[in-house]
Amino acid sequence: MNEEILIPIFMFGCIALILYKYFDVRHKERMTIIEKGLVNEDLKHLYTHGLKTNPYSSLKYGMLAAFIGVGILVSAFMSQMFFAHEEQITAGIIFLFGGVGLITFYAIAKKRMSEDEKQRS
């Protein structure tokens, strides 16, 4: 049989098997919890694991994506101007703008967190 056909079939089969096992184990876990008679408060403690949500995470990823997009545009413009070292220019500018985006996020988040602390006190 042709190997080019077997590879996608094997890949999708493995993905299907992993998803099946994930949902099967999740179902068994939930059925065990229902059989033990745990109430909603107990379930919250089982699934939260003490994780706090970060209200600024969407701002961080949005700024990172925006700055990387600007970096791609600037790198395309720079590649048109300087035909030498196009790959290095592109990679460098994308990382530069991604870093600038994260630093900008840090400054905004720090300012907002200090404002929130002032309002609480």
C-alpha atoms as a PDB file:
ATOM      1  CA  MET A   1       0.000   0.000   0.000  1.00  0.00           C
ATOM      2  CA  ASN A   2       1.109   3.557  -0.587  1.00  0.00           C
ATOM      3  CA  GLU A   3       2.832   5.193   2.397  1.00  0.00           C
ATOM      4  CA  GLU A   4       1.459   8.613   1.489  1.00  0.00           C
ATOM      5  CA  ILE A   5      -2.029   7.351   2.278  1.00  0.00           C
ATOM      6  CA  LEU A   6      -1.097   5.558   5.501  1.00  0.00           C
ATOM      7  CA  ILE A   7       0.468   8.584   7.188  1.00  0.00           C
ATOM      8  CA  PRO A   8      -2.694  10.776   7.262  1.00  0.00           C
ATOM      9  CA  ILE A   9      -4.858   7.793   8.213  1.00  0.00           C
ATOM     10  CA  PHE A  10      -2.511   6.940  11.090  1.00  0.00           C
ATOM     11  CA  MET A  11      -2.322  10.585  12.175  1.00  0.00           C
ATOM     12  CA  PHE A  12      -6.103  11.100  12.253  1.00  0.00           C
ATOM     13  CA  GLY A  13      -6.566   7.720  13.918  1.00  0.00           C
ATOM     14  CA  CYS A  14      -4.178   8.691  16.710  1.00  0.00           C
ATOM     15  CA  ILE A  15      -5.920  12.030  17.184  1.00  0.00           C
ATOM     16  CA  ALA A  16      -9.313  10.288  17.323  1.00  0.00           C
ATOM     17  CA  LEU A  17      -8.003   7.770  19.868  1.00  0.00           C
ATOM     18  CA  ILE A  18      -6.568  10.516  22.087  1.00  0.00           C
ATOM     19  CA  LEU A  19      -9.829  12.485  21.993  1.00  0.00           C
ATOM     20  CA  TYR A  20     -11.862   9.357  22.735  1.00  0.00           C
ATOM     21  CA  LYS A  21      -9.732   8.496  25.766  1.00  0.00           C
ATOM     22  CA  TYR A  22      -9.852  12.092  27.033  1.00  0.00           C
ATOM     23  CA  PHE A  23     -13.642  12.275  26.913  1.00  0.00           C
ATOM     24  CA  ASP A  24     -14.021   8.732  28.284  1.00  0.00           C
ATOM     25  CA  VAL A  25     -11.843   9.468  31.321  1.00  0.00           C
ATOM     26  CA  ARG A  26     -13.602  12.794  31.900  1.00  0.00           C
ATOM     27  CA  HIS A  27     -16.987  11.059  31.754  1.00  0.00           C
ATOM     28  CA  LYS A  28     -15.881   8.346  34.207  1.00  0.00           C
ATOM     29  CA  GLU A  29     -14.519  10.984  36.590  1.00  0.00           C
ATOM     30  CA  ARG A  30     -17.764  12.937  36.537  1.00  0.00           C
ATOM     31  CA  MET A  31     -19.847   9.801  37.029  1.00  0.00           C
ATOM     32  CA  THR A  32     -17.726   8.890  40.056  1.00  0.00           C
ATOM     33  CA  ILE A  33     -18.292  12.347  41.510  1.00  0.00           C
ATOM     34  CA  ILE A  34     -22.044  12.024  40.989  1.00  0.00           C
ATOM     35  CA  GLU A  35     -22.076   8.561  42.579  1.00  0.00           C
ATOM     36  CA  LYS A  36     -20.277   9.880  45.655  1.00  0.00           C
ATOM     37  CA  GLY A  37     -22.881  12.627  45.974  1.00  0.00           C
ATOM     38  CA  LEU A  38     -20.549  15.595  46.006  1.00  0.00           C
ATOM     39  CA  VAL A  39     -22.272  18.977  45.879  1.00  0.00           C
ATOM     40  CA  ASN A  40     -21.391  21.946  43.685  1.00  0.00           C
ATOM     41  CA  GLU A  41     -19.107  23.540  46.277  1.00  0.00           C
ATOM     42  CA  ASP A  42     -17.002  20.386  46.412  1.00  0.00           C
ATOM     43  CA  LEU A  43     -16.807  20.319  42.620  1.00  0.00           C
ATOM     44  CA  LYS A  44     -15.501  23.870  42.490  1.00  0.00           C
ATOM     45  CA  HIS A  45     -12.595  22.913  44.725  1.00  0.00           C
ATOM     46  CA  LEU A  46     -11.795  19.893  42.585  1.00  0.00           C
ATOM     47  CA  TYR A  47     -11.540  21.801  39.324  1.00  0.00           C
ATOM     48  CA  THR A  48     -10.154  25.220  40.282  1.00  0.00           C
ATOM     49  CA  HIS A  49      -6.884  24.064  41.913  1.00  0.00           C
ATOM     50  CA  GLY A  50      -6.412  27.530  43.372  1.00  0.00           C
ATOM     51  CA  LEU A  51      -5.854  29.208  40.016  1.00  0.00           C
ATOM     52  CA  LYS A  52      -6.672  32.881  39.790  1.00  0.00           C
ATOM     53  CA  THR A  53      -7.714  34.393  36.500  1.00  0.00           C
ATOM     54  CA  ASN A  54      -5.652  37.272  35.223  1.00  0.00           C
ATOM     55  CA  PRO A  55      -7.896  40.114  34.035  1.00  0.00           C
ATOM     56  CA  TYR A  56      -5.107  41.514  31.861  1.00  0.00           C
ATOM     57  CA  SER A  57      -4.255  38.338  29.932  1.00  0.00           C
ATOM     58  CA  SER A  58      -6.410  39.273  26.938  1.00  0.00           C
ATOM     59  CA  LEU A  59      -4.729  42.686  26.861  1.00  0.00           C
ATOM     60  CA  LYS A  60      -1.322  40.998  26.884  1.00  0.00           C
ATOM     61  CA  TYR A  61      -2.068  38.631  24.021  1.00  0.00           C
ATOM     62  CA  GLY A  62      -3.849  41.330  22.028  1.00  0.00           C
ATOM     63  CA  MET A  63      -0.932  43.719  22.342  1.00  0.00           C
ATOM     64  CA  LEU A  64       1.541  40.966  21.518  1.00  0.00           C
ATOM     65  CA  ALA A  65      -0.381  40.006  18.385  1.00  0.00           C
ATOM     66  CA  ALA A  66      -0.757  43.648  17.318  1.00  0.00           C
ATOM     67  CA  PHE A  67       2.922  44.421  17.766  1.00  0.00           C
ATOM     68  CA  ILE A  68       3.971  41.234  15.974  1.00  0.00           C
ATOM     69  CA  GLY A  69       1.650  42.211  13.118  1.00  0.00           C
ATOM     70  CA  VAL A  70       3.241  45.645  12.948  1.00  0.00           C
ATOM     71  CA  GLY A  71       6.646  43.956  13.065  1.00  0.00           C
ATOM     72  CA  ILE A  72       5.732  41.783  10.088  1.00  0.00           C
ATOM     73  CA  LEU A  73       4.589  44.828   8.143  1.00  0.00           C
ATOM     74  CA  VAL A  74       7.750  46.756   8.997  1.00  0.00           C
ATOM     75  CA  SER A  75       9.931  43.783   8.119  1.00  0.00           C
ATOM     76  CA  ALA A  76       8.194  43.435   4.741  1.00  0.00           C
ATOM     77  CA  PHE A  77       8.827  47.116   4.100  1.00  0.00           C
ATOM     78  CA  MET A  78      12.458  46.831   5.211  1.00  0.00           C
ATOM     79  CA  SER A  79      12.967  43.719   3.070  1.00  0.00           C
ATOM     80  CA  GLN A  80      11.797  45.669   0.034  1.00  0.00           C
ATOM     81  CA  MET A  81      14.232  48.468   0.788  1.00  0.00           C
ATOM     82  CA  PHE A  82      17.237  46.283   1.641  1.00  0.00           C
ATOM     83  CA  PHE A  83      17.325  43.115  -0.452  1.00  0.00           C
ATOM     84  CA  ALA A  84      20.179  41.568   1.519  1.00  0.00           C
ATOM     85  CA  HIS A  85      19.533  39.477   4.650  1.00  0.00           C
ATOM     86  CA  GLU A  86      15.732  39.373   4.316  1.00  0.00           C
ATOM     87  CA  GLU A  87      15.256  36.432   6.706  1.00  0.00           C
ATOM     88  CA  GLN A  88      17.398  37.985   9.420  1.00  0.00           C
ATOM     89  CA  ILE A  89      15.613  41.315   9.115  1.00  0.00           C
ATOM     90  CA  THR A  90      12.212  39.650   9.334  1.00  0.00           C
ATOM     91  CA  ALA A  91      13.039  37.508  12.356  1.00  0.00           C
ATOM     92  CA  GLY A  92      14.798  40.327  14.180  1.00  0.00           C
ATOM     93  CA  ILE A  93      12.048  42.870  13.699  1.00  0.00           C
ATOM     94  CA  ILE A  94       9.289  40.423  14.662  1.00  0.00           C
ATOM     95  CA  PHE A  95      11.072  39.580  17.927  1.00  0.00           C
ATOM     96  CA  LEU A  96      11.865  43.261  18.509  1.00  0.00           C
ATOM     97  CA  PHE A  97       8.258  44.349  18.109  1.00  0.00           C
ATOM     98  CA  GLY A  98       6.996  41.370  20.146  1.00  0.00           C
ATOM     99  CA  GLY A  99       9.299  42.390  22.986  1.00  0.00           C
ATOM    100  CA  VAL A 100       8.246  46.028  22.727  1.00  0.00           C
ATOM    101  CA  GLY A 101       4.611  44.885  22.892  1.00  0.00           C
ATOM    102  CA  LEU A 102       5.227  42.879  26.057  1.00  0.00           C
ATOM    103  CA  ILE A 103       7.170  45.730  27.675  1.00  0.00           C
ATOM    104  CA  THR A 104       4.335  48.121  26.799  1.00  0.00           C
ATOM    105  CA  PHE A 105       1.851  45.692  28.306  1.00  0.00           C
ATOM    106  CA  TYR A 106       3.913  45.522  31.480  1.00  0.00           C
ATOM    107  CA  ALA A 107       3.894  49.305  31.811  1.00  0.00           C
ATOM    108  CA  ILE A 108       0.124  49.514  31.249  1.00  0.00           C
ATOM    109  CA  ALA A 109      -0.676  46.609  33.585  1.00  0.00           C
ATOM    110  CA  LYS A 110       1.583  47.970  36.332  1.00  0.00           C
ATOM    111  CA  LYS A 111      -0.101  51.370  36.106  1.00  0.00           C
ATOM    112  CA  ARG A 112      -3.589  49.847  36.198  1.00  0.00           C
ATOM    113  CA  MET A 113      -2.721  47.561  39.101  1.00  0.00           C
ATOM    114  CA  SER A 114      -1.402  50.469  41.141  1.00  0.00           C
ATOM    115  CA  GLU A 115      -4.592  52.416  40.353  1.00  0.00           C
ATOM    116  CA  ASP A 116      -6.644  49.427  41.505  1.00  0.00           C
ATOM    117  CA  GLU A 117      -4.652  49.248  44.746  1.00  0.00           C
ATOM    118  CA  LYS A 118      -5.249  52.959  45.386  1.00  0.00           C
ATOM    119  CA  GLN A 119      -8.985  52.519  44.864  1.00  0.00           C
ATOM    120  CA  ARG A 120      -9.119  49.580  47.299  1.00  0.00           C
ATOM    121  CA  SER A 121      -7.368  51.501  50.061  1.00  0.00           C
END
